[in-house]
Protein backbone atom coordinates (compact mmCIF):
# COMPACT_ATOMS: atom_id res chain seq x y z
CA MET A 1 0.35 0.01 0.37
CA VAL A 2 1.94 3.38 -0.53
CA SER A 3 1.93 6.40 1.71
CA GLU A 4 -0.75 9.09 1.53
CA GLU A 5 2.89 11.22 1.74
CA TRP A 6 4.52 9.25 -0.96
CA LEU A 7 1.04 9.91 -2.77
CA ARG A 8 1.02 13.96 -1.31
CA THR A 9 5.24 13.87 -3.01
CA LEU A 10 4.24 12.76 -5.95
CA GLU A 11 1.34 14.84 -6.65
CA PHE A 12 3.59 18.15 -5.48
CA ALA A 13 5.94 16.65 -8.14
CA SER A 14 3.54 16.66 -10.95
CA TYR A 15 2.34 19.44 -10.11
CA ALA A 16 6.19 21.20 -10.51
CA VAL A 17 6.38 19.64 -14.00
CA THR A 18 3.16 21.13 -14.77
CA VAL A 19 3.91 24.40 -13.64
CA VAL A 20 8.09 24.32 -14.56
CA GLY A 21 8.29 21.63 -16.73
CA LEU A 22 5.88 22.35 -19.46
CA PRO A 23 6.32 25.94 -20.07
CA LEU A 24 10.07 25.18 -20.09
CA ALA A 25 9.29 22.32 -22.42
CA ILE A 26 7.41 25.04 -25.16
CA ALA A 27 9.94 27.44 -24.64
CA VAL A 28 12.78 24.98 -25.69
CA LEU A 29 10.34 23.73 -28.86
CA VAL A 30 9.47 27.25 -29.79
CA ARG A 31 13.47 28.47 -29.92
CA GLU A 32 14.53 25.49 -32.00
CA ALA A 33 11.71 25.94 -34.42
CA ARG A 34 13.38 29.34 -34.91
CA LYS A 35 16.57 28.34 -35.36
CA GLU A 36 15.00 25.60 -38.08
CA ARG A 37 12.83 28.71 -39.44
CA ALA A 38 15.78 31.14 -38.97
CA ALA A 39 18.45 28.46 -41.02
CA GLU A 40 15.65 27.33 -43.55
CA ASP A 41 15.11 31.04 -44.44
CA GLU A 42 19.23 31.51 -44.80
CA GLU A 43 19.55 28.68 -46.81
CA LEU A 44 16.42 30.02 -49.16
CA GLU A 45 18.20 33.55 -49.43
CA GLN A 46 21.66 31.69 -50.34
CA ARG A 47 20.04 29.87 -53.31
CA ARG A 48 18.46 32.79 -54.47
CA GLU A 49 21.79 34.64 -54.25
CA GLU A 50 22.92 31.51 -56.07
CA ILE A 51 20.14 31.39 -58.88
CA TYR A 52 21.10 35.51 -59.37
CA GLN A 53 24.98 34.84 -60.04
CA GLU A 54 23.82 32.02 -62.21
CA LEU A 55 21.84 34.01 -64.70
CA SER A 56 24.38 37.02 -64.32
CA ASP A 57 27.50 34.30 -65.64
CA GLU A 58 25.09 33.11 -68.08
CA TYR A 59 24.43 37.17 -69.40
CA VAL A 60 27.84 37.37 -69.56
CA GLN A 61 28.23 34.59 -71.67
CA PHE A 62 25.75 35.91 -73.60
CA LEU A 63 27.67 39.40 -74.32
CA LYS A 64 30.74 37.30 -75.10
CA LEU A 65 28.43 35.52 -78.13
CA LEU A 66 27.66 39.12 -79.00
CA LEU A 67 31.59 39.97 -78.95
CA GLN A 68 31.98 37.14 -81.45
CA TYR A 69 30.11 38.06 -84.19
CA PRO A 70 30.86 42.16 -84.39
CA GLU A 71 29.76 42.30 -87.95
CA LEU A 72 26.04 41.78 -86.60
CA ARG A 73 26.01 45.15 -84.69
CA LEU A 74 23.93 43.59 -81.78
CA LEU A 75 25.85 45.72 -79.21
CA HIS A 76 24.42 49.12 -80.91
CA PRO A 77 21.15 49.19 -82.46
CA GLN A 78 21.29 49.37 -86.36
CA PRO A 79 18.63 49.38 -89.21
CA ALA A 80 17.82 45.44 -90.70
CA GLY A 81 18.65 46.21 -94.15
CA MET A 82 22.26 46.73 -93.25
CA PHE A 83 22.58 42.82 -92.68
CA THR A 84 22.56 40.08 -95.46
CA GLU A 85 19.81 37.02 -95.30
CA GLU A 86 22.14 35.27 -93.32
CA GLN A 87 22.83 37.88 -90.47
CA ARG A 88 19.43 38.59 -90.17
CA GLU A 89 19.00 35.11 -89.37
CA GLN A 90 22.01 34.98 -87.06
CA ARG A 91 19.96 38.10 -85.03
CA PHE A 92 17.28 36.60 -85.01
CA LEU A 93 18.36 33.62 -83.16
CA ILE A 94 20.37 35.50 -80.72
CA PHE A 95 17.49 37.81 -80.26
CA GLY A 96 15.10 34.60 -79.36
CA ILE A 97 18.30 33.18 -76.88
CA LEU A 98 18.63 36.59 -75.36
CA VAL A 99 14.57 36.13 -74.73
CA SER A 100 14.70 32.85 -73.24
CA LEU A 101 17.22 34.03 -70.63
CA LEU A 102 15.15 36.92 -69.85
CA GLU A 103 12.07 35.16 -69.11
CA ARG A 104 14.57 32.55 -66.99
CA ALA A 105 15.53 35.52 -65.29
CA TYR A 106 11.92 36.69 -64.81
CA ILE A 107 10.55 33.73 -63.67
CA LEU A 108 13.33 32.49 -61.09
CA LEU A 109 14.25 36.08 -59.90
CA TYR A 110 10.72 38.42 -59.95
CA GLU A 111 7.42 38.19 -57.23
CA PRO A 112 5.10 40.51 -57.01
CA ASN A 113 6.10 41.56 -53.83
CA LEU A 114 9.90 41.40 -53.18
CA ASP A 115 11.96 42.17 -50.02
CA ASP A 116 13.98 44.43 -50.61
CA GLU A 117 17.12 41.46 -51.11
CA GLY A 118 14.76 40.22 -54.17
CA ARG A 119 14.23 43.85 -55.33
CA ARG A 120 17.58 44.44 -55.70
CA ARG A 121 18.04 41.23 -57.95
CA TRP A 122 15.45 41.62 -60.06
CA GLN A 123 16.18 45.48 -60.97
CA SER A 124 19.40 44.70 -62.73
CA TRP A 125 17.20 42.40 -65.29
CA ASP A 126 14.64 44.66 -65.35
CA ASP A 127 17.11 47.38 -66.72
CA TYR A 128 18.04 44.90 -69.42
CA VAL A 129 14.55 44.09 -70.51
CA ARG A 130 14.19 47.73 -70.77
CA GLU A 131 17.12 48.11 -72.74
CA TRP A 132 16.57 45.53 -74.65
CA CYS A 133 12.98 46.77 -75.61
CA ARG A 134 14.24 50.34 -76.57
CA ARG A 135 15.56 48.97 -79.35
CA ALA A 136 13.43 48.37 -82.05
CA ASP A 137 15.36 45.41 -84.16
CA PHE A 138 15.12 43.59 -81.14
CA ARG A 139 11.08 44.70 -80.75
CA ASP A 140 10.49 43.24 -84.03
CA ALA A 141 12.08 39.97 -83.01
CA LEU A 142 10.32 39.80 -79.54
CA ALA A 143 6.71 38.95 -81.10
CA SER A 144 8.03 35.79 -82.74
CA HIS A 145 10.04 35.09 -79.80
CA ILE A 146 7.18 35.43 -77.04
CA GLU A 147 4.82 32.50 -78.12
CA GLY A 148 4.36 29.88 -76.03
CA GLU A 149 6.46 31.68 -73.42
CA ASP A 150 5.31 32.38 -69.63
CA PRO A 151 1.88 34.64 -69.86
CA ALA A 152 3.16 36.39 -67.03
CA PHE A 153 6.50 37.06 -68.67
CA ARG A 154 4.80 37.56 -71.89
CA ASP A 155 2.20 40.46 -70.52
CA TYR A 156 5.60 41.85 -68.71
CA ILE A 157 7.79 42.18 -71.70
CA VAL A 158 5.41 43.04 -74.13
CA ARG A 159 4.16 46.37 -72.16
CA ILE A 160 8.10 47.08 -71.45
CA ALA A 161 8.45 46.97 -75.31
CA ARG A 162 5.06 49.59 -75.89
CA GLN A 163 6.49 51.49 -73.61
CA ALA A 164 9.64 52.13 -74.98
CA GLU A 165 7.93 51.85 -78.47
CA ALA A 166 5.77 54.93 -77.26
CA GLY A 167 8.56 56.72 -75.34
CA THR A 168 7.02 56.86 -72.46
CA PRO A 169 9.21 57.03 -69.05
CA PRO A 170 9.88 53.85 -67.50
CA ARG A 171 8.82 52.28 -64.27
């Protein structure tokens, strides 16, 4: 038979666990969850920065491609009539590569409610889009290259191209 004093001791111990142990356990769980969330956020931010860097490297490779074909005059807008049929086709294909790269950047970097860091990363790509859309030769090739592309990207780049064609100030 269990003594009454022993039962009181057990009852006191259960109260102590309830009053001290339970809140302490909850605090430890909350702290661990916050640490885990912070680590996940840091990992996500690191991955976003890696994606940005990979896209930037691809844009540098694209610019190197332009340098390999100086006769196409892609670093500066030129009237299409100045080129042979083969050169016009090469320019058209290079514009296709560019549209594909810009679309990938849009899909991977753009979100409607970007934080400051995300906005910093996206802004450089938005600048590239606006720079290229100011060129009539790029705008002329654009319609053929955006068929079947991501609808949100297509709407975005068409809007920017129309603004550029109309001479509307950006943003």
